[in-house]
C-alpha atoms as a PDB file:
ATOM      1  CA  MET A   1      49.396  75.578 113.158  1.00  0.00           C
ATOM      2  CA  GLU A   2      49.954  75.638 116.911  1.00  0.00           C
ATOM      3  CA  VAL A   3      47.908  77.548 119.452  1.00  0.00           C
ATOM      4  CA  GLY A   4      48.898  81.217 119.857  1.00  0.00           C
ATOM      5  CA  LYS A   5      49.746  84.122 117.594  1.00  0.00           C
ATOM      6  CA  VAL A   6      50.694  82.838 114.165  1.00  0.00           C
ATOM      7  CA  PRO A   7      54.469  82.860 113.517  1.00  0.00           C
ATOM      8  CA  GLU A   8      55.990  85.880 111.821  1.00  0.00           C
ATOM      9  CA  SER A   9      56.900  83.786 108.765  1.00  0.00           C
ATOM     10  CA  VAL A  10      53.242  82.723 108.363  1.00  0.00           C
ATOM     11  CA  LEU A  11      52.073  86.305 108.958  1.00  0.00           C
ATOM     12  CA  LYS A  12      54.325  87.607 106.186  1.00  0.00           C
ATOM     13  CA  ARG A  13      53.689  84.740 103.779  1.00  0.00           C
ATOM     14  CA  SER A  14      49.976  84.092 104.168  1.00  0.00           C
ATOM     15  CA  VAL A  15      48.610  87.388 105.458  1.00  0.00           C
ATOM     16  CA  PHE A  16      50.671  90.430 104.478  1.00  0.00           C
ATOM     17  CA  LYS A  17      51.528  89.149 100.993  1.00  0.00           C
ATOM     18  CA  GLN A  18      47.814  88.816 100.248  1.00  0.00           C
ATOM     19  CA  ILE A  19      47.184  92.512 100.995  1.00  0.00           C
ATOM     20  CA  ARG A  20      47.642  94.496  97.783  1.00  0.00           C
ATOM     21  CA  THR A  21      44.946  97.179  97.671  1.00  0.00           C
ATOM     22  CA  LYS A  22      46.246 100.533  98.991  1.00  0.00           C
ATOM     23  CA  ARG A  23      44.459 103.807  99.770  1.00  0.00           C
ATOM     24  CA  GLU A  24      46.077 107.248  99.883  1.00  0.00           C
ATOM     25  CA  GLU A  25      44.249 108.031 103.145  1.00  0.00           C
ATOM     26  CA  VAL A  26      46.245 105.336 104.994  1.00  0.00           C
ATOM     27  CA  LEU A  27      49.461 106.621 106.575  1.00  0.00           C
ATOM     28  CA  ILE A  28      50.537 103.488 108.474  1.00  0.00           C
ATOM     29  CA  HIS A  29      50.027 100.182 106.690  1.00  0.00           C
ATOM     30  CA  PRO A  30      49.983  96.663 108.250  1.00  0.00           C
ATOM     31  CA  GLY A  31      53.356  95.262 109.270  1.00  0.00           C
ATOM     32  CA  VAL A  32      55.124  93.185 111.901  1.00  0.00           C
ATOM     33  CA  GLY A  33      54.915  95.030 115.220  1.00  0.00           C
ATOM     34  CA  GLU A  34      52.462  97.638 113.931  1.00  0.00           C
ATOM     35  CA  ASP A  35      49.555  97.634 116.367  1.00  0.00           C
ATOM     36  CA  CYS A  36      47.731 100.670 114.984  1.00  0.00           C
ATOM     37  CA  ALA A  37      46.662 102.085 111.645  1.00  0.00           C
ATOM     38  CA  ALA A  38      46.669 105.808 110.880  1.00  0.00           C
ATOM     39  CA  LEU A  39      44.427 107.591 108.395  1.00  0.00           C
ATOM     40  CA  LYS A  40      44.105 111.201 107.308  1.00  0.00           C
ATOM     41  CA  LEU A  41      40.907 112.664 105.904  1.00  0.00           C
ATOM     42  CA  ALA A  42      40.110 116.010 104.327  1.00  0.00           C
ATOM     43  CA  ASP A  43      38.903 118.903 106.493  1.00  0.00           C
ATOM     44  CA  ASP A  44      35.272 118.478 105.419  1.00  0.00           C
ATOM     45  CA  GLU A  45      35.157 114.692 105.934  1.00  0.00           C
ATOM     46  CA  VAL A  46      34.237 112.587 108.959  1.00  0.00           C
ATOM     47  CA  PHE A  47      35.041 109.026 110.014  1.00  0.00           C
ATOM     48  CA  VAL A  48      32.250 106.428 109.992  1.00  0.00           C
ATOM     49  CA  MET A  49      32.993 103.104 111.687  1.00  0.00           C
ATOM     50  CA  SER A  50      31.305  99.714 112.023  1.00  0.00           C
ATOM     51  CA  THR A  51      32.174  96.281 113.377  1.00  0.00           C
ATOM     52  CA  ASP A  52      30.726  92.791 112.823  1.00  0.00           C
ATOM     53  CA  PRO A  53      31.690  89.168 113.556  1.00  0.00           C
ATOM     54  CA  ILE A  54      31.090  86.442 110.976  1.00  0.00           C
ATOM     55  CA  THR A  55      29.920  83.322 112.803  1.00  0.00           C
ATOM     56  CA  GLY A  56      27.007  81.922 110.778  1.00  0.00           C
ATOM     57  CA  THR A  57      29.084  80.299 108.026  1.00  0.00           C
ATOM     58  CA  THR A  58      32.606  79.063 107.268  1.00  0.00           C
ATOM     59  CA  GLN A  59      32.175  78.797 103.503  1.00  0.00           C
ATOM     60  CA  GLU A  60      33.112  81.994 101.630  1.00  0.00           C
ATOM     61  CA  ILE A  61      33.686  83.554 105.059  1.00  0.00           C
ATOM     62  CA  GLY A  62      36.035  86.164 103.604  1.00  0.00           C
ATOM     63  CA  THR A  63      33.419  87.326 101.096  1.00  0.00           C
ATOM     64  CA  PHE A  64      30.747  87.713 103.744  1.00  0.00           C
ATOM     65  CA  ALA A  65      33.164  89.443 106.130  1.00  0.00           C
ATOM     66  CA  VAL A  66      34.043  92.223 103.698  1.00  0.00           C
ATOM     67  CA  HIS A  67      30.585  92.887 102.308  1.00  0.00           C
ATOM     68  CA  ILE A  68      28.693  92.918 105.598  1.00  0.00           C
ATOM     69  CA  THR A  69      30.969  95.624 106.986  1.00  0.00           C
ATOM     70  CA  ALA A  70      31.155  97.607 103.742  1.00  0.00           C
ATOM     71  CA  ASN A  71      27.347  97.491 103.564  1.00  0.00           C
ATOM     72  CA  ASP A  72      27.042  98.907 107.084  1.00  0.00           C
ATOM     73  CA  LEU A  73      29.256 101.830 106.115  1.00  0.00           C
ATOM     74  CA  ALA A  74      27.373 102.389 102.859  1.00  0.00           C
ATOM     75  CA  SER A  75      24.081 102.437 104.778  1.00  0.00           C
ATOM     76  CA  ALA A  76      25.399 105.459 106.651  1.00  0.00           C
ATOM     77  CA  GLY A  77      26.237 107.190 103.379  1.00  0.00           C
ATOM     78  CA  ALA A  78      29.965 106.553 103.806  1.00  0.00           C
ATOM     79  CA  GLU A  79      32.597 105.394 101.337  1.00  0.00           C
ATOM     80  CA  PRO A  80      34.441 102.354 102.761  1.00  0.00           C
ATOM     81  CA  VAL A  81      38.167 103.063 103.121  1.00  0.00           C
ATOM     82  CA  GLY A  82      39.704 100.285 105.202  1.00  0.00           C
ATOM     83  CA  ILE A  83      39.026  97.282 107.419  1.00  0.00           C
ATOM     84  CA  LEU A  84      40.727  95.814 110.474  1.00  0.00           C
ATOM     85  CA  LEU A  85      40.488  92.037 110.892  1.00  0.00           C
ATOM     86  CA  THR A  86      40.541  89.808 113.936  1.00  0.00           C
ATOM     87  CA  VAL A  87      40.931  86.232 112.698  1.00  0.00           C
ATOM     88  CA  LEU A  88      40.509  83.443 115.267  1.00  0.00           C
ATOM     89  CA  LEU A  89      41.383  79.970 114.003  1.00  0.00           C
ATOM     90  CA  PRO A  90      40.732  76.604 115.705  1.00  0.00           C
ATOM     91  CA  ASP A  91      43.567  74.430 116.944  1.00  0.00           C
ATOM     92  CA  GLY A  92      44.912  72.349 114.052  1.00  0.00           C
ATOM     93  CA  CYS A  93      43.895  74.794 111.321  1.00  0.00           C
ATOM     94  CA  GLU A  94      46.237  74.544 108.343  1.00  0.00           C
ATOM     95  CA  GLU A  95      48.157  77.552 107.044  1.00  0.00           C
ATOM     96  CA  GLY A  96      46.618  76.970 103.606  1.00  0.00           C
ATOM     97  CA  GLU A  97      43.172  77.727 105.031  1.00  0.00           C
ATOM     98  CA  LEU A  98      44.401  81.057 106.412  1.00  0.00           C
ATOM     99  CA  LYS A  99      46.097  81.968 103.147  1.00  0.00           C
ATOM    100  CA  ALA A 100      42.977  81.131 101.115  1.00  0.00           C
ATOM    101  CA  MET A 101      40.794  83.159 103.491  1.00  0.00           C
ATOM    102  CA  MET A 102      43.081  86.189 103.240  1.00  0.00           C
ATOM    103  CA  ALA A 103      43.212  85.911  99.442  1.00  0.00           C
ATOM    104  CA  GLN A 104      39.402  85.815  99.393  1.00  0.00           C
ATOM    105  CA  ILE A 105      39.175  88.889 101.639  1.00  0.00           C
ATOM    106  CA  GLU A 106      41.691  90.810  99.535  1.00  0.00           C
ATOM    107  CA  SER A 107      39.828  89.889  96.336  1.00  0.00           C
ATOM    108  CA  GLU A 108      36.597  91.412  97.669  1.00  0.00           C
ATOM    109  CA  CYS A 109      38.473  94.431  99.068  1.00  0.00           C
ATOM    110  CA  HIS A 110      40.037  95.055  95.667  1.00  0.00           C
ATOM    111  CA  LYS A 111      36.596  95.113  94.011  1.00  0.00           C
ATOM    112  CA  LEU A 112      35.436  97.795  96.471  1.00  0.00           C
ATOM    113  CA  ASN A 113      38.771  99.680  96.717  1.00  0.00           C
ATOM    114  CA  ILE A 114      39.124  98.909 100.429  1.00  0.00           C
ATOM    115  CA  GLU A 115      42.509  98.508 102.139  1.00  0.00           C
ATOM    116  CA  ILE A 116      43.127  95.943 104.871  1.00  0.00           C
ATOM    117  CA  ILE A 117      44.725  98.339 107.345  1.00  0.00           C
ATOM    118  CA  GLY A 118      45.553  95.999 110.231  1.00  0.00           C
ATOM    119  CA  GLY A 119      44.331  93.319 112.582  1.00  0.00           C
ATOM    120  CA  HIS A 120      45.238  90.257 114.614  1.00  0.00           C
ATOM    121  CA  THR A 121      45.539  86.578 113.676  1.00  0.00           C
ATOM    122  CA  GLU A 122      45.572  83.811 116.265  1.00  0.00           C
ATOM    123  CA  VAL A 123      45.072  80.078 116.675  1.00  0.00           C
ATOM    124  CA  THR A 124      43.012  79.366 119.802  1.00  0.00           C
ATOM    125  CA  ARG A 125      41.149  76.530 121.493  1.00  0.00           C
ATOM    126  CA  ALA A 126      38.349  79.003 122.258  1.00  0.00           C
ATOM    127  CA  VAL A 127      36.793  78.411 118.811  1.00  0.00           C
ATOM    128  CA  THR A 128      35.869  75.269 116.905  1.00  0.00           C
ATOM    129  CA  GLN A 129      35.629  76.977 113.496  1.00  0.00           C
ATOM    130  CA  PRO A 130      37.188  80.126 111.986  1.00  0.00           C
ATOM    131  CA  VAL A 131      35.727  83.364 113.335  1.00  0.00           C
ATOM    132  CA  VAL A 132      36.404  86.661 111.587  1.00  0.00           C
ATOM    133  CA  THR A 133      35.556  90.006 113.177  1.00  0.00           C
ATOM    134  CA  VAL A 134      35.787  93.013 110.871  1.00  0.00           C
ATOM    135  CA  THR A 135      35.956  96.656 111.890  1.00  0.00           C
ATOM    136  CA  GLY A 136      35.313  98.962 108.975  1.00  0.00           C
ATOM    137  CA  VAL A 137      36.436 102.550 108.563  1.00  0.00           C
ATOM    138  CA  GLY A 138      34.684 104.787 106.066  1.00  0.00           C
ATOM    139  CA  LYS A 139      34.525 108.463 105.219  1.00  0.00           C
ATOM    140  CA  ALA A 140      31.635 110.788 104.484  1.00  0.00           C
ATOM    141  CA  LYS A 141      31.221 114.487 103.864  1.00  0.00           C
ATOM    142  CA  ASP A 142      30.539 116.402 107.040  1.00  0.00           C
ATOM    143  CA  GLY A 143      26.764 116.737 107.424  1.00  0.00           C
ATOM    144  CA  ARG A 144      26.000 113.982 104.899  1.00  0.00           C
ATOM    145  CA  VAL A 145      25.919 110.967 107.229  1.00  0.00           C
ATOM    146  CA  ILE A 146      22.668 108.973 106.903  1.00  0.00           C
ATOM    147  CA  SER A 147      21.073 107.188 109.873  1.00  0.00           C
ATOM    148  CA  THR A 148      18.587 104.339 110.149  1.00  0.00           C
ATOM    149  CA  GLY A 149      16.354 106.685 112.149  1.00  0.00           C
ATOM    150  CA  GLY A 150      15.782 109.275 109.442  1.00  0.00           C
ATOM    151  CA  ALA A 151      12.491 108.016 107.965  1.00  0.00           C
ATOM    152  CA  LYS A 152       9.585 110.495 107.939  1.00  0.00           C
ATOM    153  CA  PRO A 153       5.814 110.013 107.628  1.00  0.00           C
ATOM    154  CA  GLY A 154       4.650 110.029 104.018  1.00  0.00           C
ATOM    155  CA  GLN A 155       7.952 108.856 102.585  1.00  0.00           C
ATOM    156  CA  ASP A 156       8.223 105.904 100.234  1.00  0.00           C
ATOM    157  CA  ILE A 157       9.729 102.607 101.370  1.00  0.00           C
ATOM    158  CA  VAL A 158      12.200 101.248  98.813  1.00  0.00           C
ATOM    159  CA  VAL A 159      13.795  97.780  98.859  1.00  0.00           C
ATOM    160  CA  THR A 160      16.702  97.002  96.522  1.00  0.00           C
ATOM    161  CA  LYS A 161      17.431  93.708  94.720  1.00  0.00           C
ATOM    162  CA  TRP A 162      15.745  90.728  96.438  1.00  0.00           C
ATOM    163  CA  VAL A 163      15.335  89.823 100.100  1.00  0.00           C
ATOM    164  CA  GLY A 164      16.847  86.612 101.467  1.00  0.00           C
ATOM    165  CA  LEU A 165      19.906  86.658  99.184  1.00  0.00           C
ATOM    166  CA  GLU A 166      22.503  85.966 101.858  1.00  0.00           C
ATOM    167  CA  GLY A 167      20.522  83.217 103.531  1.00  0.00           C
ATOM    168  CA  THR A 168      19.826  81.587 100.173  1.00  0.00           C
ATOM    169  CA  ALA A 169      23.532  81.498  99.295  1.00  0.00           C
ATOM    170  CA  ILE A 170      24.538  80.150 102.722  1.00  0.00           C
ATOM    171  CA  ILE A 171      21.894  77.411 102.802  1.00  0.00           C
ATOM    172  CA  ALA A 172      22.631  76.340  99.216  1.00  0.00           C
ATOM    173  CA  ARG A 173      26.246  75.792 100.228  1.00  0.00           C
ATOM    174  CA  SER A 174      25.763  74.198 103.640  1.00  0.00           C
ATOM    175  CA  GLN A 175      22.747  72.032 102.719  1.00  0.00           C
ATOM    176  CA  GLU A 176      23.618  71.054  99.152  1.00  0.00           C
ATOM    177  CA  LYS A 177      23.289  67.317  99.821  1.00  0.00           C
ATOM    178  CA  ALA A 178      19.774  67.687 101.237  1.00  0.00           C
ATOM    179  CA  LEU A 179      18.668  70.007  98.433  1.00  0.00           C
ATOM    180  CA  LYS A 180      19.831  67.516  95.792  1.00  0.00           C
ATOM    181  CA  SER A 181      17.008  65.210  96.873  1.00  0.00           C
ATOM    182  CA  ARG A 182      14.558  67.594  95.180  1.00  0.00           C
ATOM    183  CA  TYR A 183      16.423  70.115  93.023  1.00  0.00           C
ATOM    184  CA  SER A 184      18.806  70.007  90.074  1.00  0.00           C
ATOM    185  CA  GLN A 185      22.460  70.979  90.346  1.00  0.00           C
ATOM    186  CA  ASP A 186      21.779  73.979  88.102  1.00  0.00           C
ATOM    187  CA  PHE A 187      19.144  75.236  90.538  1.00  0.00           C
ATOM    188  CA  ILE A 188      21.464  74.781  93.518  1.00  0.00           C
ATOM    189  CA  ASP A 189      24.311  76.545  91.697  1.00  0.00           C
ATOM    190  CA  GLN A 190      22.012  79.479  90.903  1.00  0.00           C
ATOM    191  CA  ALA A 191      21.119  79.689  94.588  1.00  0.00           C
ATOM    192  CA  LYS A 192      24.805  79.637  95.532  1.00  0.00           C
ATOM    193  CA  ASP A 193      25.424  82.390  93.003  1.00  0.00           C
ATOM    194  CA  CYS A 194      23.251  84.784  95.028  1.00  0.00           C
ATOM    195  CA  ILE A 195      26.485  85.575  96.853  1.00  0.00           C
ATOM    196  CA  ARG A 196      27.489  87.851  93.975  1.00  0.00           C
ATOM    197  CA  TYR A 197      24.729  90.299  94.894  1.00  0.00           C
ATOM    198  CA  LEU A 198      25.876  90.843  98.499  1.00  0.00           C
ATOM    199  CA  SER A 199      27.214  94.383  98.127  1.00  0.00           C
ATOM    200  CA  VAL A 200      24.918  97.389  98.574  1.00  0.00           C
ATOM    201  CA  VAL A 201      27.709  99.956  98.212  1.00  0.00           C
ATOM    202  CA  ASP A 202      26.509 100.967  94.738  1.00  0.00           C
ATOM    203  CA  ASP A 203      22.858 100.856  95.859  1.00  0.00           C
ATOM    204  CA  ALA A 204      23.631 103.448  98.524  1.00  0.00           C
ATOM    205  CA  ARG A 205      25.808 105.637  96.302  1.00  0.00           C
ATOM    206  CA  ILE A 206      23.184 105.889  93.561  1.00  0.00           C
ATOM    207  CA  ALA A 207      20.278 106.450  95.965  1.00  0.00           C
ATOM    208  CA  MET A 208      22.096 109.270  97.748  1.00  0.00           C
ATOM    209  CA  GLN A 209      22.506 111.084  94.454  1.00  0.00           C
ATOM    210  CA  VAL A 210      18.706 111.187  94.114  1.00  0.00           C
ATOM    211  CA  GLY A 211      18.007 111.774  97.791  1.00  0.00           C
ATOM    212  CA  VAL A 212      17.261 109.506 100.753  1.00  0.00           C
ATOM    213  CA  SER A 213      16.712 110.309 104.433  1.00  0.00           C
ATOM    214  CA  ALA A 214      17.364 106.827 105.891  1.00  0.00           C
ATOM    215  CA  MET A 215      19.070 103.600 104.802  1.00  0.00           C
ATOM    216  CA  HIS A 216      19.449 100.226 106.472  1.00  0.00           C
ATOM    217  CA  ASP A 217      21.090  97.110 105.036  1.00  0.00           C
ATOM    218  CA  VAL A 218      18.823  94.109 105.487  1.00  0.00           C
ATOM    219  CA  THR A 219      20.772  91.581 107.524  1.00  0.00           C
ATOM    220  CA  GLU A 220      19.880  89.290 110.456  1.00  0.00           C
ATOM    221  CA  GLY A 221      16.140  89.055 110.997  1.00  0.00           C
ATOM    222  CA  GLY A 222      15.423  89.630 107.317  1.00  0.00           C
ATOM    223  CA  ILE A 223      13.251  92.329 105.807  1.00  0.00           C
ATOM    224  CA  PHE A 224      10.701  92.072 108.643  1.00  0.00           C
ATOM    225  CA  GLY A 225      13.471  92.848 111.113  1.00  0.00           C
ATOM    226  CA  ALA A 226      14.707  95.743 108.981  1.00  0.00           C
ATOM    227  CA  PHE A 227      11.190  97.212 108.656  1.00  0.00           C
ATOM    228  CA  TRP A 228      10.778  97.099 112.434  1.00  0.00           C
ATOM    229  CA  GLU A 229      14.221  98.568 113.180  1.00  0.00           C
ATOM    230  CA  MET A 230      13.890 101.514 110.785  1.00  0.00           C
ATOM    231  CA  ALA A 231      10.371 102.348 111.982  1.00  0.00           C
ATOM    232  CA  GLN A 232      11.380 102.091 115.656  1.00  0.00           C
ATOM    233  CA  ALA A 233      14.539 104.146 115.159  1.00  0.00           C
ATOM    234  CA  SER A 234      12.563 106.827 113.302  1.00  0.00           C
ATOM    235  CA  GLY A 235       9.537 106.896 115.599  1.00  0.00           C
ATOM    236  CA  VAL A 236       7.141 106.246 112.717  1.00  0.00           C
ATOM    237  CA  GLY A 237       4.773 103.550 111.534  1.00  0.00           C
ATOM    238  CA  LEU A 238       4.588 101.859 108.161  1.00  0.00           C
ATOM    239  CA  THR A 239       2.300 100.070 105.776  1.00  0.00           C
ATOM    240  CA  VAL A 240       3.771  97.520 103.364  1.00  0.00           C
ATOM    241  CA  ASP A 241       2.300  95.505 100.474  1.00  0.00           C
ATOM    242  CA  LEU A 242       4.076  92.172 100.880  1.00  0.00           C
ATOM    243  CA  LYS A 243       3.386  91.201  97.262  1.00  0.00           C
ATOM    244  CA  LYS A 244       5.697  94.029  96.189  1.00  0.00           C
ATOM    245  CA  VAL A 245       8.640  92.838  98.318  1.00  0.00           C
ATOM    246  CA  PRO A 246      11.016  91.200  95.792  1.00  0.00           C
ATOM    247  CA  LEU A 247      11.974  87.530  96.176  1.00  0.00           C
ATOM    248  CA  ARG A 248      14.020  85.268  93.913  1.00  0.00           C
ATOM    249  CA  GLN A 249      12.513  81.913  93.009  1.00  0.00           C
ATOM    250  CA  GLU A 250      15.557  80.162  94.493  1.00  0.00           C
ATOM    251  CA  THR A 251      14.773  81.767  97.858  1.00  0.00           C
ATOM    252  CA  VAL A 252      11.097  80.799  97.654  1.00  0.00           C
ATOM    253  CA  GLU A 253      11.932  77.162  96.841  1.00  0.00           C
ATOM    254  CA  ILE A 254      14.637  76.771  99.502  1.00  0.00           C
ATOM    255  CA  CYS A 255      12.433  78.345 102.170  1.00  0.00           C
ATOM    256  CA  GLU A 256       9.562  76.021 101.246  1.00  0.00           C
ATOM    257  CA  PHE A 257      11.931  73.030 101.394  1.00  0.00           C
ATOM    258  CA  PHE A 258      13.091  73.872 104.923  1.00  0.00           C
ATOM    259  CA  ASP A 259       9.799  75.453 106.066  1.00  0.00           C
ATOM    260  CA  LEU A 260      11.342  78.910 106.580  1.00  0.00           C
ATOM    261  CA  ASN A 261       9.849  82.386 106.376  1.00  0.00           C
ATOM    262  CA  PRO A 262      11.796  84.162 103.596  1.00  0.00           C
ATOM    263  CA  TYR A 263      10.935  87.561 105.083  1.00  0.00           C
ATOM    264  CA  GLN A 264      12.820  86.649 108.276  1.00  0.00           C
ATOM    265  CA  LEU A 265      15.898  85.271 106.485  1.00  0.00           C
ATOM    266  CA  ILE A 266      19.245  87.079 106.626  1.00  0.00           C
ATOM    267  CA  SER A 267      19.363  89.342 103.584  1.00  0.00           C
ATOM    268  CA  SER A 268      22.683  91.113 102.993  1.00  0.00           C
ATOM    269  CA  GLY A 269      22.585  92.432  99.432  1.00  0.00           C
ATOM    270  CA  SER A 270      19.244  94.162  99.925  1.00  0.00           C
ATOM    271  CA  MET A 271      18.954  97.760 101.135  1.00  0.00           C
ATOM    272  CA  LEU A 272      15.940  99.357 102.838  1.00  0.00           C
ATOM    273  CA  MET A 273      15.520 103.076 102.099  1.00  0.00           C
ATOM    274  CA  ALA A 274      13.229 105.941 103.074  1.00  0.00           C
ATOM    275  CA  CYS A 275      12.849 108.705 100.511  1.00  0.00           C
ATOM    276  CA  ASP A 276      10.485 111.377  99.214  1.00  0.00           C
ATOM    277  CA  ARG A 277      10.809 110.280  95.579  1.00  0.00           C
ATOM    278  CA  GLY A 278      10.855 106.515  95.738  1.00  0.00           C
ATOM    279  CA  TYR A 279      10.126 105.907  92.072  1.00  0.00           C
ATOM    280  CA  ASP A 280      12.935 108.273  91.048  1.00  0.00           C
ATOM    281  CA  VAL A 281      15.319 106.259  93.226  1.00  0.00           C
ATOM    282  CA  VAL A 282      14.041 103.021  91.666  1.00  0.00           C
ATOM    283  CA  GLU A 283      14.575 104.415  88.156  1.00  0.00           C
ATOM    284  CA  ALA A 284      18.091 105.671  88.952  1.00  0.00           C
ATOM    285  CA  LEU A 285      19.023 102.242  90.302  1.00  0.00           C
ATOM    286  CA  ARG A 286      17.449 100.506  87.292  1.00  0.00           C
ATOM    287  CA  LYS A 287      19.610 102.564  84.923  1.00  0.00           C
ATOM    288  CA  GLU A 288      22.664 101.178  86.740  1.00  0.00           C
ATOM    289  CA  GLY A 289      21.409  97.601  86.510  1.00  0.00           C
ATOM    290  CA  ILE A 290      20.143  97.347  90.091  1.00  0.00           C
ATOM    291  CA  ARG A 291      16.595  96.174  90.689  1.00  0.00           C
ATOM    292  CA  ALA A 292      14.512  98.030  93.298  1.00  0.00           C
ATOM    293  CA  SER A 293      10.863  98.322  94.300  1.00  0.00           C
ATOM    294  CA  VAL A 294       8.630 100.759  96.169  1.00  0.00           C
ATOM    295  CA  VAL A 295       6.871  98.490  98.669  1.00  0.00           C
ATOM    296  CA  GLY A 296       4.941 100.882 100.923  1.00  0.00           C
ATOM    297  CA  LYS A 297       4.868 104.094 102.939  1.00  0.00           C
ATOM    298  CA  PHE A 298       6.015 105.313 106.317  1.00  0.00           C
ATOM    299  CA  THR A 299       3.151 106.737 108.384  1.00  0.00           C
ATOM    300  CA  ASP A 300       2.579 109.090 111.315  1.00  0.00           C
ATOM    301  CA  SER A 301       1.134 106.186 113.336  1.00  0.00           C
ATOM    302  CA  HIS A 302       3.158 103.769 115.428  1.00  0.00           C
ATOM    303  CA  ASP A 303       1.356 100.841 113.760  1.00  0.00           C
ATOM    304  CA  LYS A 304       3.494  98.639 111.547  1.00  0.00           C
ATOM    305  CA  ILE A 305       1.075  97.036 109.116  1.00  0.00           C
ATOM    306  CA  ILE A 306       1.832  94.289 106.582  1.00  0.00           C
ATOM    307  CA  HIS A 307      -0.755  93.604 103.863  1.00  0.00           C
ATOM    308  CA  TYR A 308      -0.437  89.962 102.783  1.00  0.00           C
ATOM    309  CA  ASP A 309      -3.304  90.167 100.267  1.00  0.00           C
ATOM    310  CA  GLU A 310      -6.675  91.862  99.883  1.00  0.00           C
ATOM    311  CA  ASN A 311      -8.157  89.817 102.718  1.00  0.00           C
ATOM    312  CA  GLU A 312      -5.250  89.472 105.169  1.00  0.00           C
ATOM    313  CA  THR A 313      -3.535  92.238 107.117  1.00  0.00           C
ATOM    314  CA  ARG A 314      -1.234  91.723 110.109  1.00  0.00           C
ATOM    315  CA  TYR A 315       0.700  93.882 112.535  1.00  0.00           C
ATOM    316  CA  LEU A 316       4.466  93.460 112.318  1.00  0.00           C
ATOM    317  CA  GLU A 317       6.000  91.895 115.418  1.00  0.00           C
ATOM    318  CA  PRO A 318       9.411  92.679 116.975  1.00  0.00           C
ATOM    319  CA  PRO A 319      12.322  90.885 115.276  1.00  0.00           C
ATOM    320  CA  LYS A 320      12.648  87.161 115.908  1.00  0.00           C
ATOM    321  CA  PRO A 321      15.763  84.948 115.650  1.00  0.00           C
ATOM    322  CA  ASP A 322      16.858  84.624 112.046  1.00  0.00           C
ATOM    323  CA  GLU A 323      15.412  81.699 110.088  1.00  0.00           C
ATOM    324  CA  LEU A 324      18.940  80.663 109.090  1.00  0.00           C
ATOM    325  CA  TYR A 325      19.568  79.323 112.607  1.00  0.00           C
ATOM    326  CA  LYS A 326      16.749  76.801 112.196  1.00  0.00           C
ATOM    327  CA  VAL A 327      18.713  75.205 109.389  1.00  0.00           C
ATOM    328  CA  GLU A 328      22.067  75.437 111.117  1.00  0.00           C
ATOM    329  CA  THR A 329      20.695  73.868 114.325  1.00  0.00           C
ATOM    330  CA  GLY A 330      18.621  71.226 112.544  1.00  0.00           C
ATOM    331  CA  GLN A 331      15.262  72.663 113.633  1.00  0.00           C
ATOM    332  CA  ALA A 332      14.040  73.151 110.058  1.00  0.00           C
END
């Protein structure tokens, strides 16, 4: 495709035709010449919005794009309703790549009942690989929006699923050739399959039914970054038993192979929560087939303490660049 806005025929054939999921809240749907979307909510509902670019991977980019934004909305206690996409494609990108990307995005949207409500698609020399920016629109009951800064001293710290899921899936795809020098294809495929755990929409929905005061999806900077951000936003300290933070064996092995810290690896698919009844939240999630663990407590100190074992305790440091970039830049 040539540089510039994609032709109308391509837009209709490879973008609009891929959009099938519809929501009753949407009044104006995507179409040629439509620059805005319109939504109507009930009187007791509020809009919740989020935006994110996807730049760290090109494989399964549509899957990551949908889930990262939906997870942000879920972390605020909102139900995802729609997304707006800005798709920037490099010069020479084939229409088939755009069509496949849109089909992938629609497939994930369908699973979560999210409508693609608009966007912009362009071929530009400003990028060397596809870049997708997603703006998500969600709804929540008035007065029920959850913030990252809602943790209180004495509350339990809950972590869902396993940390490092997203980074594990990305590295298994981008570094498959290197990993084959040590690991079997079955192992690598299992690591790739971590992508199926990326959504925390159900994690948030179930936890809110029990009661939580703060939620934060664990993304760039890993669980260490998420611990720091929630504590800072809430003005509290924390104490965490690192042995209780859940890790998959695939993540452990891949991080050892590339000399990465799994606790600083991008972790979409895992949710950090603050709640009064952590074990009740864990049990409610378990009944729905979602693993979760109570890993520590928030405190009335500003100290952020990580217990590695009986003999080693460290203070948590401010977030560092994600470990994924070491692999992508060849530093690992």
